[in-house]
Structure formats: C-alpha cells, structure tokens
Amino acid sequence: MSKFGELIDVKIPVLLDFFTEWNEQSTAMHAVLRDVAAALGDKAKVIKIDVDKNKDLAEALRIKGLPTLIIYKEGEMKWRQSGEQDANTLIGLIQEYI
C-alpha cells in the first residue's frame, strides 16, 4: 500500500483507471486513456491498475463497478466515477486540477 501512497502523493493530477482484462467496458477505455495521456503529456499521470492483480487495493478503495476512474492530486481524492467516460470529459476534469 505504501507504493500506492507514492503514486498519488504528487503535485500533478493522477488519473487511476481500475480495470480488468475480462470486462468489456474496461478494455474499451484503453484507447480513451491513451488519448488522455497523449493530450496531457507531463501535466498529469494516467495509471492503469488491474483489479485482479491488486485485490487488496481495490477492496480498500471499495471498487465495485468497472471501470472505476479516480483523480488524485497531492494524495487527496478529487473525483471518482464508475463506468466509461470519453476522452474530452476526462481531459476537462483533469485540467481543473493542473
């Protein structure tokens, strides 16, 4: 869990995508997240977290629906939503915290 703290306790916004390979909505988000990461460059981080490989973290954060997207800045959760989102919406949300 300490590594998770290091991931989210940074000055730039961090978008976490909790997904699984067997969930269609999760895999549909892969291309969207690539676009978001490309658009924001080094102003934000986009990190994908496989729920099947990180069960303890998913339970600690009460991840129920997939995909679940969470924005953190300086260790604090700023936004959270389950379900698919489009790239422009995510970019706009993240830019509020840059």
PDB file of N, CA and C in Angstrom:
ATOM      1  N   MET A   1       0.815  -1.206   0.000  1.00  0.00           N
ATOM      2  CA  MET A   1       0.000   0.000   0.000  1.00  0.00           C
ATOM      3  C   MET A   1       0.853   1.262   0.000  1.00  0.00           C
ATOM      4  N   SER A   2       2.082   1.188   0.530  1.00  0.00           N
ATOM      5  CA  SER A   2       2.926   2.378   0.583  1.00  0.00           C
ATOM      6  C   SER A   2       3.288   2.854  -0.825  1.00  0.00           C
ATOM      7  N   LYS A   3       3.406   1.925  -1.750  1.00  0.00           N
ATOM      8  CA  LYS A   3       3.684   2.323  -3.132  1.00  0.00           C
ATOM      9  C   LYS A   3       2.516   3.122  -3.699  1.00  0.00           C
ATOM     10  N   PHE A   4       1.297   2.755  -3.306  1.00  0.00           N
ATOM     11  CA  PHE A   4       0.127   3.495  -3.762  1.00  0.00           C
ATOM     12  C   PHE A   4       0.201   4.935  -3.281  1.00  0.00           C
ATOM     13  N   GLY A   5       0.589   5.131  -2.031  1.00  0.00           N
ATOM     14  CA  GLY A   5       0.740   6.481  -1.494  1.00  0.00           C
ATOM     15  C   GLY A   5       1.727   7.302  -2.294  1.00  0.00           C
ATOM     16  N   GLU A   6       2.825   6.665  -2.704  1.00  0.00           N
ATOM     17  CA  GLU A   6       3.824   7.363  -3.518  1.00  0.00           C
ATOM     18  C   GLU A   6       3.269   7.723  -4.892  1.00  0.00           C
ATOM     19  N   LEU A   7       2.411   6.877  -5.445  1.00  0.00           N
ATOM     20  CA  LEU A   7       1.815   7.138  -6.759  1.00  0.00           C
ATOM     21  C   LEU A   7       0.926   8.370  -6.755  1.00  0.00           C
ATOM     22  N   ILE A   8       0.126   8.507  -5.691  1.00  0.00           N
ATOM     23  CA  ILE A   8      -0.884   9.566  -5.686  1.00  0.00           C
ATOM     24  C   ILE A   8      -0.448  10.837  -4.981  1.00  0.00           C
ATOM     25  N   ASP A   9       0.639  10.794  -4.225  1.00  0.00           N
ATOM     26  CA  ASP A   9       1.067  11.969  -3.462  1.00  0.00           C
ATOM     27  C   ASP A   9       2.063  12.794  -4.269  1.00  0.00           C
ATOM     28  N   VAL A  10       1.588  13.283  -5.417  1.00  0.00           N
ATOM     29  CA  VAL A  10       2.429  14.096  -6.294  1.00  0.00           C
ATOM     30  C   VAL A  10       1.698  15.387  -6.630  1.00  0.00           C
ATOM     31  N   LYS A  11       2.456  16.373  -7.117  1.00  0.00           N
ATOM     32  CA  LYS A  11       1.883  17.697  -7.354  1.00  0.00           C
ATOM     33  C   LYS A  11       0.985  17.762  -8.587  1.00  0.00           C
ATOM     34  N   ILE A  12       1.169  16.839  -9.515  1.00  0.00           N
ATOM     35  CA  ILE A  12       0.321  16.839 -10.710  1.00  0.00           C
ATOM     36  C   ILE A  12      -0.856  15.885 -10.504  1.00  0.00           C
ATOM     37  N   PRO A  13      -1.972  16.102 -11.213  1.00  0.00           N
ATOM     38  CA  PRO A  13      -3.109  15.191 -11.078  1.00  0.00           C
ATOM     39  C   PRO A  13      -2.754  13.787 -11.570  1.00  0.00           C
ATOM     40  N   VAL A  14      -3.322  12.787 -10.909  1.00  0.00           N
ATOM     41  CA  VAL A  14      -3.119  11.387 -11.286  1.00  0.00           C
ATOM     42  C   VAL A  14      -4.492  10.770 -11.532  1.00  0.00           C
ATOM     43  N   LEU A  15      -4.697  10.287 -12.757  1.00  0.00           N
ATOM     44  CA  LEU A  15      -5.932   9.585 -13.098  1.00  0.00           C
ATOM     45  C   LEU A  15      -5.677   8.093 -12.986  1.00  0.00           C
ATOM     46  N   LEU A  16      -6.398   7.437 -12.098  1.00  0.00           N
ATOM     47  CA  LEU A  16      -6.277   5.994 -11.931  1.00  0.00           C
ATOM     48  C   LEU A  16      -7.447   5.322 -12.632  1.00  0.00           C
ATOM     49  N   ASP A  17      -7.142   4.295 -13.396  1.00  0.00           N
ATOM     50  CA  ASP A  17      -8.158   3.500 -14.068  1.00  0.00           C
ATOM     51  C   ASP A  17      -8.111   2.099 -13.482  1.00  0.00           C
ATOM     52  N   PHE A  18      -9.138   1.738 -12.725  1.00  0.00           N
ATOM     53  CA  PHE A  18      -9.234   0.389 -12.177  1.00  0.00           C
ATOM     54  C   PHE A  18     -10.000  -0.451 -13.189  1.00  0.00           C
ATOM     55  N   PHE A  19      -9.375  -1.522 -13.673  1.00  0.00           N
ATOM     56  CA  PHE A  19      -9.938  -2.300 -14.768  1.00  0.00           C
ATOM     57  C   PHE A  19      -9.648  -3.783 -14.587  1.00  0.00           C
ATOM     58  N   THR A  20     -10.260  -4.599 -15.447  1.00  0.00           N
ATOM     59  CA  THR A  20      -9.870  -5.999 -15.613  1.00  0.00           C
ATOM     60  C   THR A  20      -9.855  -6.285 -17.106  1.00  0.00           C
ATOM     61  N   GLU A  21      -9.057  -7.236 -17.500  1.00  0.00           N
ATOM     62  CA  GLU A  21      -8.960  -7.588 -18.925  1.00  0.00           C
ATOM     63  C   GLU A  21     -10.235  -8.262 -19.433  1.00  0.00           C
ATOM     64  N   TRP A  22     -11.010  -8.870 -18.547  1.00  0.00           N
ATOM     65  CA  TRP A  22     -12.202  -9.599 -18.990  1.00  0.00           C
ATOM     66  C   TRP A  22     -13.456  -8.730 -19.020  1.00  0.00           C
ATOM     67  N   ASN A  23     -13.356  -7.476 -18.632  1.00  0.00           N
ATOM     68  CA  ASN A  23     -14.511  -6.577 -18.614  1.00  0.00           C
ATOM     69  C   ASN A  23     -14.488  -5.714 -19.876  1.00  0.00           C
ATOM     70  N   GLU A  24     -15.539  -5.832 -20.704  1.00  0.00           N
ATOM     71  CA  GLU A  24     -15.568  -5.119 -21.986  1.00  0.00           C
ATOM     72  C   GLU A  24     -15.465  -3.609 -21.840  1.00  0.00           C
ATOM     73  N   GLN A  25     -16.186  -3.038 -20.874  1.00  0.00           N
ATOM     74  CA  GLN A  25     -16.118  -1.585 -20.681  1.00  0.00           C
ATOM     75  C   GLN A  25     -14.701  -1.164 -20.291  1.00  0.00           C
ATOM     76  N   SER A  26     -14.042  -1.991 -19.482  1.00  0.00           N
ATOM     77  CA  SER A  26     -12.667  -1.692 -19.072  1.00  0.00           C
ATOM     78  C   SER A  26     -11.737  -1.653 -20.275  1.00  0.00           C
ATOM     79  N   THR A  27     -11.828  -2.659 -21.123  1.00  0.00           N
ATOM     80  CA  THR A  27     -10.924  -2.712 -22.271  1.00  0.00           C
ATOM     81  C   THR A  27     -11.263  -1.623 -23.290  1.00  0.00           C
ATOM     82  N   ALA A  28     -12.524  -1.224 -23.362  1.00  0.00           N
ATOM     83  CA  ALA A  28     -12.909  -0.137 -24.264  1.00  0.00           C
ATOM     84  C   ALA A  28     -12.260   1.185 -23.848  1.00  0.00           C
ATOM     85  N   MET A  29     -11.943   1.315 -22.566  1.00  0.00           N
ATOM     86  CA  MET A  29     -11.345   2.555 -22.061  1.00  0.00           C
ATOM     87  C   MET A  29      -9.855   2.675 -22.397  1.00  0.00           C
ATOM     88  N   HIS A  30      -9.202   1.598 -22.785  1.00  0.00           N
ATOM     89  CA  HIS A  30      -7.759   1.645 -23.047  1.00  0.00           C
ATOM     90  C   HIS A  30      -7.396   2.729 -24.068  1.00  0.00           C
ATOM     91  N   ALA A  31      -8.100   2.754 -25.196  1.00  0.00           N
ATOM     92  CA  ALA A  31      -7.800   3.743 -26.241  1.00  0.00           C
ATOM     93  C   ALA A  31      -8.103   5.163 -25.758  1.00  0.00           C
ATOM     94  N   VAL A  32      -9.189   5.317 -25.015  1.00  0.00           N
ATOM     95  CA  VAL A  32      -9.558   6.634 -24.472  1.00  0.00           C
ATOM     96  C   VAL A  32      -8.448   7.145 -23.551  1.00  0.00           C
ATOM     97  N   LEU A  33      -7.953   6.271 -22.692  1.00  0.00           N
ATOM     98  CA  LEU A  33      -6.910   6.677 -21.745  1.00  0.00           C
ATOM     99  C   LEU A  33      -5.594   6.993 -22.448  1.00  0.00           C
ATOM    100  N   ARG A  34      -5.313   6.293 -23.537  1.00  0.00           N
ATOM    101  CA  ARG A  34      -4.118   6.640 -24.337  1.00  0.00           C
ATOM    102  C   ARG A  34      -4.243   8.054 -24.876  1.00  0.00           C
ATOM    103  N   ASP A  35      -5.445   8.395 -25.370  1.00  0.00           N
ATOM    104  CA  ASP A  35      -5.679   9.747 -25.892  1.00  0.00           C
ATOM    105  C   ASP A  35      -5.540  10.795 -24.796  1.00  0.00           C
ATOM    106  N   VAL A  36      -6.075  10.497 -23.620  1.00  0.00           N
ATOM    107  CA  VAL A  36      -5.990  11.426 -22.487  1.00  0.00           C
ATOM    108  C   VAL A  36      -4.525  11.645 -22.114  1.00  0.00           C
ATOM    109  N   ALA A  37      -3.769  10.567 -21.993  1.00  0.00           N
ATOM    110  CA  ALA A  37      -2.355  10.662 -21.627  1.00  0.00           C
ATOM    111  C   ALA A  37      -1.582  11.458 -22.670  1.00  0.00           C
ATOM    112  N   ALA A  38      -1.875  11.223 -23.946  1.00  0.00           N
ATOM    113  CA  ALA A  38      -1.175  11.937 -25.019  1.00  0.00           C
ATOM    114  C   ALA A  38      -1.523  13.429 -24.991  1.00  0.00           C
ATOM    115  N   ALA A  39      -2.778  13.745 -24.739  1.00  0.00           N
ATOM    116  CA  ALA A  39      -3.215  15.145 -24.734  1.00  0.00           C
ATOM    117  C   ALA A  39      -2.616  15.928 -23.571  1.00  0.00           C
ATOM    118  N   LEU A  40      -2.460  15.280 -22.422  1.00  0.00           N
ATOM    119  CA  LEU A  40      -1.989  15.979 -21.228  1.00  0.00           C
ATOM    120  C   LEU A  40      -0.478  15.935 -21.061  1.00  0.00           C
ATOM    121  N   GLY A  41       0.177  14.999 -21.724  1.00  0.00           N
ATOM    122  CA  GLY A  41       1.638  14.919 -21.639  1.00  0.00           C
ATOM    123  C   GLY A  41       2.109  14.792 -20.204  1.00  0.00           C
ATOM    124  N   ASP A  42       3.089  15.624 -19.832  1.00  0.00           N
ATOM    125  CA  ASP A  42       3.659  15.519 -18.481  1.00  0.00           C
ATOM    126  C   ASP A  42       2.923  16.379 -17.450  1.00  0.00           C
ATOM    127  N   LYS A  43       1.768  16.939 -17.825  1.00  0.00           N
ATOM    128  CA  LYS A  43       0.987  17.745 -16.876  1.00  0.00           C
ATOM    129  C   LYS A  43       0.162  16.875 -15.929  1.00  0.00           C
ATOM    130  N   ALA A  44       0.014  15.590 -16.284  1.00  0.00           N
ATOM    131  CA  ALA A  44      -0.757  14.660 -15.459  1.00  0.00           C
ATOM    132  C   ALA A  44      -0.262  13.244 -15.725  1.00  0.00           C
ATOM    133  N   LYS A  45      -0.609  12.338 -14.808  1.00  0.00           N
ATOM    134  CA  LYS A  45      -0.272  10.921 -14.992  1.00  0.00           C
ATOM    135  C   LYS A  45      -1.558  10.138 -15.201  1.00  0.00           C
ATOM    136  N   VAL A  46      -1.491   9.127 -16.053  1.00  0.00           N
ATOM    137  CA  VAL A  46      -2.593   8.185 -16.220  1.00  0.00           C
ATOM    138  C   VAL A  46      -2.042   6.814 -15.859  1.00  0.00           C
ATOM    139  N   ILE A  47      -2.637   6.186 -14.861  1.00  0.00           N
ATOM    140  CA  ILE A  47      -2.140   4.899 -14.370  1.00  0.00           C
ATOM    141  C   ILE A  47      -3.272   3.881 -14.397  1.00  0.00           C
ATOM    142  N   LYS A  48      -3.008   2.746 -15.019  1.00  0.00           N
ATOM    143  CA  LYS A  48      -3.986   1.665 -15.087  1.00  0.00           C
ATOM    144  C   LYS A  48      -3.660   0.642 -14.001  1.00  0.00           C
ATOM    145  N   ILE A  49      -4.684   0.246 -13.261  1.00  0.00           N
ATOM    146  CA  ILE A  49      -4.499  -0.717 -12.171  1.00  0.00           C
ATOM    147  C   ILE A  49      -5.444  -1.896 -12.396  1.00  0.00           C
ATOM    148  N   ASP A  50      -4.851  -3.065 -12.621  1.00  0.00           N
ATOM    149  CA  ASP A  50      -5.622  -4.286 -12.839  1.00  0.00           C
ATOM    150  C   ASP A  50      -6.160  -4.766 -11.493  1.00  0.00           C
ATOM    151  N   VAL A  51      -7.474  -4.768 -11.366  1.00  0.00           N
ATOM    152  CA  VAL A  51      -8.119  -5.142 -10.104  1.00  0.00           C
ATOM    153  C   VAL A  51      -7.778  -6.585  -9.722  1.00  0.00           C
ATOM    154  N   ASP A  52      -7.686  -7.472 -10.705  1.00  0.00           N
ATOM    155  CA  ASP A  52      -7.378  -8.877 -10.415  1.00  0.00           C
ATOM    156  C   ASP A  52      -5.984  -9.035  -9.797  1.00  0.00           C
ATOM    157  N   LYS A  53      -5.063  -8.144 -10.139  1.00  0.00           N
ATOM    158  CA  LYS A  53      -3.692  -8.231  -9.623  1.00  0.00           C
ATOM    159  C   LYS A  53      -3.486  -7.368  -8.380  1.00  0.00           C
ATOM    160  N   ASN A  54      -4.465  -6.536  -8.062  1.00  0.00           N
ATOM    161  CA  ASN A  54      -4.357  -5.617  -6.919  1.00  0.00           C
ATOM    162  C   ASN A  54      -5.638  -5.663  -6.085  1.00  0.00           C
ATOM    163  N   LYS A  55      -6.011  -6.865  -5.680  1.00  0.00           N
ATOM    164  CA  LYS A  55      -7.274  -7.070  -4.958  1.00  0.00           C
ATOM    165  C   LYS A  55      -7.350  -6.282  -3.644  1.00  0.00           C
ATOM    166  N   ASP A  56      -6.249  -6.237  -2.890  1.00  0.00           N
ATOM    167  CA  ASP A  56      -6.259  -5.527  -1.603  1.00  0.00           C
ATOM    168  C   ASP A  56      -6.537  -4.035  -1.799  1.00  0.00           C
ATOM    169  N   LEU A  57      -5.876  -3.447  -2.787  1.00  0.00           N
ATOM    170  CA  LEU A  57      -6.082  -2.022  -3.063  1.00  0.00           C
ATOM    171  C   LEU A  57      -7.513  -1.779  -3.524  1.00  0.00           C
ATOM    172  N   ALA A  58      -8.021  -2.622  -4.416  1.00  0.00           N
ATOM    173  CA  ALA A  58      -9.386  -2.465  -4.911  1.00  0.00           C
ATOM    174  C   ALA A  58     -10.391  -2.565  -3.767  1.00  0.00           C
ATOM    175  N   GLU A  59     -10.147  -3.493  -2.844  1.00  0.00           N
ATOM    176  CA  GLU A  59     -11.044  -3.617  -1.690  1.00  0.00           C
ATOM    177  C   GLU A  59     -10.941  -2.404  -0.784  1.00  0.00           C
ATOM    178  N   ALA A  60      -9.727  -1.921  -0.554  1.00  0.00           N
ATOM    179  CA  ALA A  60      -9.523  -0.765   0.320  1.00  0.00           C
ATOM    180  C   ALA A  60     -10.233   0.473  -0.225  1.00  0.00           C
ATOM    181  N   LEU A  61     -10.259   0.598  -1.549  1.00  0.00           N
ATOM    182  CA  LEU A  61     -10.906   1.759  -2.177  1.00  0.00           C
ATOM    183  C   LEU A  61     -12.368   1.475  -2.544  1.00  0.00           C
ATOM    184  N   ARG A  62     -12.846   0.289  -2.159  1.00  0.00           N
ATOM    185  CA  ARG A  62     -14.235  -0.115  -2.420  1.00  0.00           C
ATOM    186  C   ARG A  62     -14.593  -0.008  -3.901  1.00  0.00           C
ATOM    187  N   ILE A  63     -13.741  -0.565  -4.741  1.00  0.00           N
ATOM    188  CA  ILE A  63     -14.001  -0.580  -6.177  1.00  0.00           C
ATOM    189  C   ILE A  63     -15.055  -1.644  -6.444  1.00  0.00           C
ATOM    190  N   LYS A  64     -16.196  -1.241  -6.951  1.00  0.00           N
ATOM    191  CA  LYS A  64     -17.291  -2.176  -7.243  1.00  0.00           C
ATOM    192  C   LYS A  64     -17.508  -2.285  -8.752  1.00  0.00           C
ATOM    193  N   GLY A  65     -17.824  -1.173  -9.403  1.00  0.00           N
ATOM    194  CA  GLY A  65     -18.076  -1.180 -10.845  1.00  0.00           C
ATOM    195  C   GLY A  65     -16.791  -1.002 -11.617  1.00  0.00           C
ATOM    196  N   LEU A  66     -16.778  -1.526 -12.830  1.00  0.00           N
ATOM    197  CA  LEU A  66     -15.600  -1.388 -13.687  1.00  0.00           C
ATOM    198  C   LEU A  66     -16.007  -0.776 -15.017  1.00  0.00           C
ATOM    199  N   PRO A  67     -15.191   0.053 -15.586  1.00  0.00           N
ATOM    200  CA  PRO A  67     -14.001   0.620 -14.953  1.00  0.00           C
ATOM    201  C   PRO A  67     -14.393   1.661 -13.902  1.00  0.00           C
ATOM    202  N   THR A  68     -13.520   1.852 -12.921  1.00  0.00           N
ATOM    203  CA  THR A  68     -13.671   2.954 -11.968  1.00  0.00           C
ATOM    204  C   THR A  68     -12.496   3.884 -12.185  1.00  0.00           C
ATOM    205  N   LEU A  69     -12.807   5.154 -12.380  1.00  0.00           N
ATOM    206  CA  LEU A  69     -11.784   6.175 -12.620  1.00  0.00           C
ATOM    207  C   LEU A  69     -11.740   7.110 -11.416  1.00  0.00           C
ATOM    208  N   ILE A  70     -10.528   7.393 -10.946  1.00  0.00           N
ATOM    209  CA  ILE A  70     -10.345   8.265  -9.785  1.00  0.00           C
ATOM    210  C   ILE A  70      -9.238   9.262 -10.097  1.00  0.00           C
ATOM    211  N   ILE A  71      -9.471  10.521  -9.765  1.00  0.00           N
ATOM    212  CA  ILE A  71      -8.429  11.545  -9.909  1.00  0.00           C
ATOM    213  C   ILE A  71      -7.941  11.913  -8.508  1.00  0.00           C
ATOM    214  N   TYR A  72      -6.627  11.839  -8.331  1.00  0.00           N
ATOM    215  CA  TYR A  72      -5.974  12.266  -7.093  1.00  0.00           C
ATOM    216  C   TYR A  72      -5.045  13.431  -7.406  1.00  0.00           C
ATOM    217  N   LYS A  73      -4.880  14.301  -6.431  1.00  0.00           N
ATOM    218  CA  LYS A  73      -3.840  15.333  -6.508  1.00  0.00           C
ATOM    219  C   LYS A  73      -3.304  15.538  -5.107  1.00  0.00           C
ATOM    220  N   GLU A  74      -1.971  15.472  -4.979  1.00  0.00           N
ATOM    221  CA  GLU A  74      -1.293  15.616  -3.696  1.00  0.00           C
ATOM    222  C   GLU A  74      -1.897  14.685  -2.638  1.00  0.00           C
ATOM    223  N   GLY A  75      -2.195  13.457  -3.049  1.00  0.00           N
ATOM    224  CA  GLY A  75      -2.675  12.445  -2.123  1.00  0.00           C
ATOM    225  C   GLY A  75      -4.150  12.510  -1.784  1.00  0.00           C
ATOM    226  N   GLU A  76      -4.863  13.482  -2.329  1.00  0.00           N
ATOM    227  CA  GLU A  76      -6.272  13.665  -1.999  1.00  0.00           C
ATOM    228  C   GLU A  76      -7.158  13.304  -3.193  1.00  0.00           C
ATOM    229  N   MET A  77      -8.197  12.501  -2.935  1.00  0.00           N
ATOM    230  CA  MET A  77      -9.126  12.151  -3.996  1.00  0.00           C
ATOM    231  C   MET A  77      -9.956  13.376  -4.375  1.00  0.00           C
ATOM    232  N   LYS A  78      -9.954  13.704  -5.665  1.00  0.00           N
ATOM    233  CA  LYS A  78     -10.673  14.884  -6.133  1.00  0.00           C
ATOM    234  C   LYS A  78     -11.954  14.526  -6.891  1.00  0.00           C
ATOM    235  N   TRP A  79     -11.963  13.361  -7.539  1.00  0.00           N
ATOM    236  CA  TRP A  79     -13.094  12.964  -8.373  1.00  0.00           C
ATOM    237  C   TRP A  79     -13.083  11.455  -8.522  1.00  0.00           C
ATOM    238  N   ARG A  80     -14.279  10.873  -8.613  1.00  0.00           N
ATOM    239  CA  ARG A  80     -14.376   9.415  -8.777  1.00  0.00           C
ATOM    240  C   ARG A  80     -15.665   9.090  -9.504  1.00  0.00           C
ATOM    241  N   GLN A  81     -15.576   8.141 -10.426  1.00  0.00           N
ATOM    242  CA  GLN A  81     -16.770   7.706 -11.153  1.00  0.00           C
ATOM    243  C   GLN A  81     -16.545   6.319 -11.720  1.00  0.00           C
ATOM    244  N   SER A  82     -17.586   5.521 -11.720  1.00  0.00           N
ATOM    245  CA  SER A  82     -17.532   4.209 -12.360  1.00  0.00           C
ATOM    246  C   SER A  82     -18.214   4.301 -13.717  1.00  0.00           C
ATOM    247  N   GLY A  83     -17.733   3.503 -14.656  1.00  0.00           N
ATOM    248  CA  GLY A  83     -18.314   3.485 -15.999  1.00  0.00           C
ATOM    249  C   GLY A  83     -17.428   4.197 -16.996  1.00  0.00           C
ATOM    250  N   GLU A  84     -17.792   4.020 -18.260  1.00  0.00           N
ATOM    251  CA  GLU A  84     -16.991   4.604 -19.333  1.00  0.00           C
ATOM    252  C   GLU A  84     -17.130   6.126 -19.362  1.00  0.00           C
ATOM    253  N   GLN A  85     -16.060   6.785 -19.756  1.00  0.00           N
ATOM    254  CA  GLN A  85     -16.035   8.235 -19.942  1.00  0.00           C
ATOM    255  C   GLN A  85     -15.360   8.505 -21.285  1.00  0.00           C
ATOM    256  N   ASP A  86     -15.673   9.641 -21.894  1.00  0.00           N
ATOM    257  CA  ASP A  86     -14.980   9.963 -23.140  1.00  0.00           C
ATOM    258  C   ASP A  86     -13.733  10.798 -22.821  1.00  0.00           C
ATOM    259  N   ALA A  87     -12.817  10.828 -23.782  1.00  0.00           N
ATOM    260  CA  ALA A  87     -11.521  11.489 -23.573  1.00  0.00           C
ATOM    261  C   ALA A  87     -11.690  12.964 -23.238  1.00  0.00           C
ATOM    262  N   ASN A  88     -12.557  13.678 -23.955  1.00  0.00           N
ATOM    263  CA  ASN A  88     -12.704  15.115 -23.718  1.00  0.00           C
ATOM    264  C   ASN A  88     -13.205  15.417 -22.315  1.00  0.00           C
ATOM    265  N   THR A  89     -14.122  14.613 -21.815  1.00  0.00           N
ATOM    266  CA  THR A  89     -14.626  14.798 -20.450  1.00  0.00           C
ATOM    267  C   THR A  89     -13.499  14.615 -19.448  1.00  0.00           C
ATOM    268  N   LEU A  90     -12.725  13.534 -19.611  1.00  0.00           N
ATOM    269  CA  LEU A  90     -11.623  13.271 -18.683  1.00  0.00           C
ATOM    270  C   LEU A  90     -10.554  14.354 -18.753  1.00  0.00           C
ATOM    271  N   ILE A  91     -10.207  14.791 -19.939  1.00  0.00           N
ATOM    272  CA  ILE A  91      -9.209  15.849 -20.097  1.00  0.00           C
ATOM    273  C   ILE A  91      -9.680  17.120 -19.387  1.00  0.00           C
ATOM    274  N   GLY A  92     -10.951  17.469 -19.592  1.00  0.00           N
ATOM    275  CA  GLY A  92     -11.513  18.655 -18.939  1.00  0.00           C
ATOM    276  C   GLY A  92     -11.467  18.551 -17.421  1.00  0.00           C
ATOM    277  N   LEU A  93     -11.829  17.383 -16.908  1.00  0.00           N
ATOM    278  CA  LEU A  93     -11.804  17.161 -15.451  1.00  0.00           C
ATOM    279  C   LEU A  93     -10.387  17.297 -14.898  1.00  0.00           C
ATOM    280  N   ILE A  94      -9.429  16.675 -15.558  1.00  0.00           N
ATOM    281  CA  ILE A  94      -8.068  16.700 -15.073  1.00  0.00           C
ATOM    282  C   ILE A  94      -7.498  18.112 -15.143  1.00  0.00           C
ATOM    283  N   GLN A  95      -7.839  18.858 -16.192  1.00  0.00           N
ATOM    284  CA  GLN A  95      -7.318  20.211 -16.343  1.00  0.00           C
ATOM    285  C   GLN A  95      -7.757  21.139 -15.210  1.00  0.00           C
ATOM    286  N   GLU A  96      -8.870  20.823 -14.557  1.00  0.00           N
ATOM    287  CA  GLU A  96      -9.304  21.620 -13.402  1.00  0.00           C
ATOM    288  C   GLU A  96      -8.285  21.561 -12.266  1.00  0.00           C
ATOM    289  N   TYR A  97      -7.470  20.508 -12.244  1.00  0.00           N
ATOM    290  CA  TYR A  97      -6.530  20.303 -11.131  1.00  0.00           C
ATOM    291  C   TYR A  97      -5.071  20.542 -11.505  1.00  0.00           C
ATOM    292  N   ILE A  98      -4.845  20.995 -12.747  1.00  0.00           N
ATOM    293  CA  ILE A  98      -3.456  21.257 -13.178  1.00  0.00           C
ATOM    294  C   ILE A  98      -3.017  22.616 -12.652  1.00  0.00           C
TER     295      ILE A  98
END
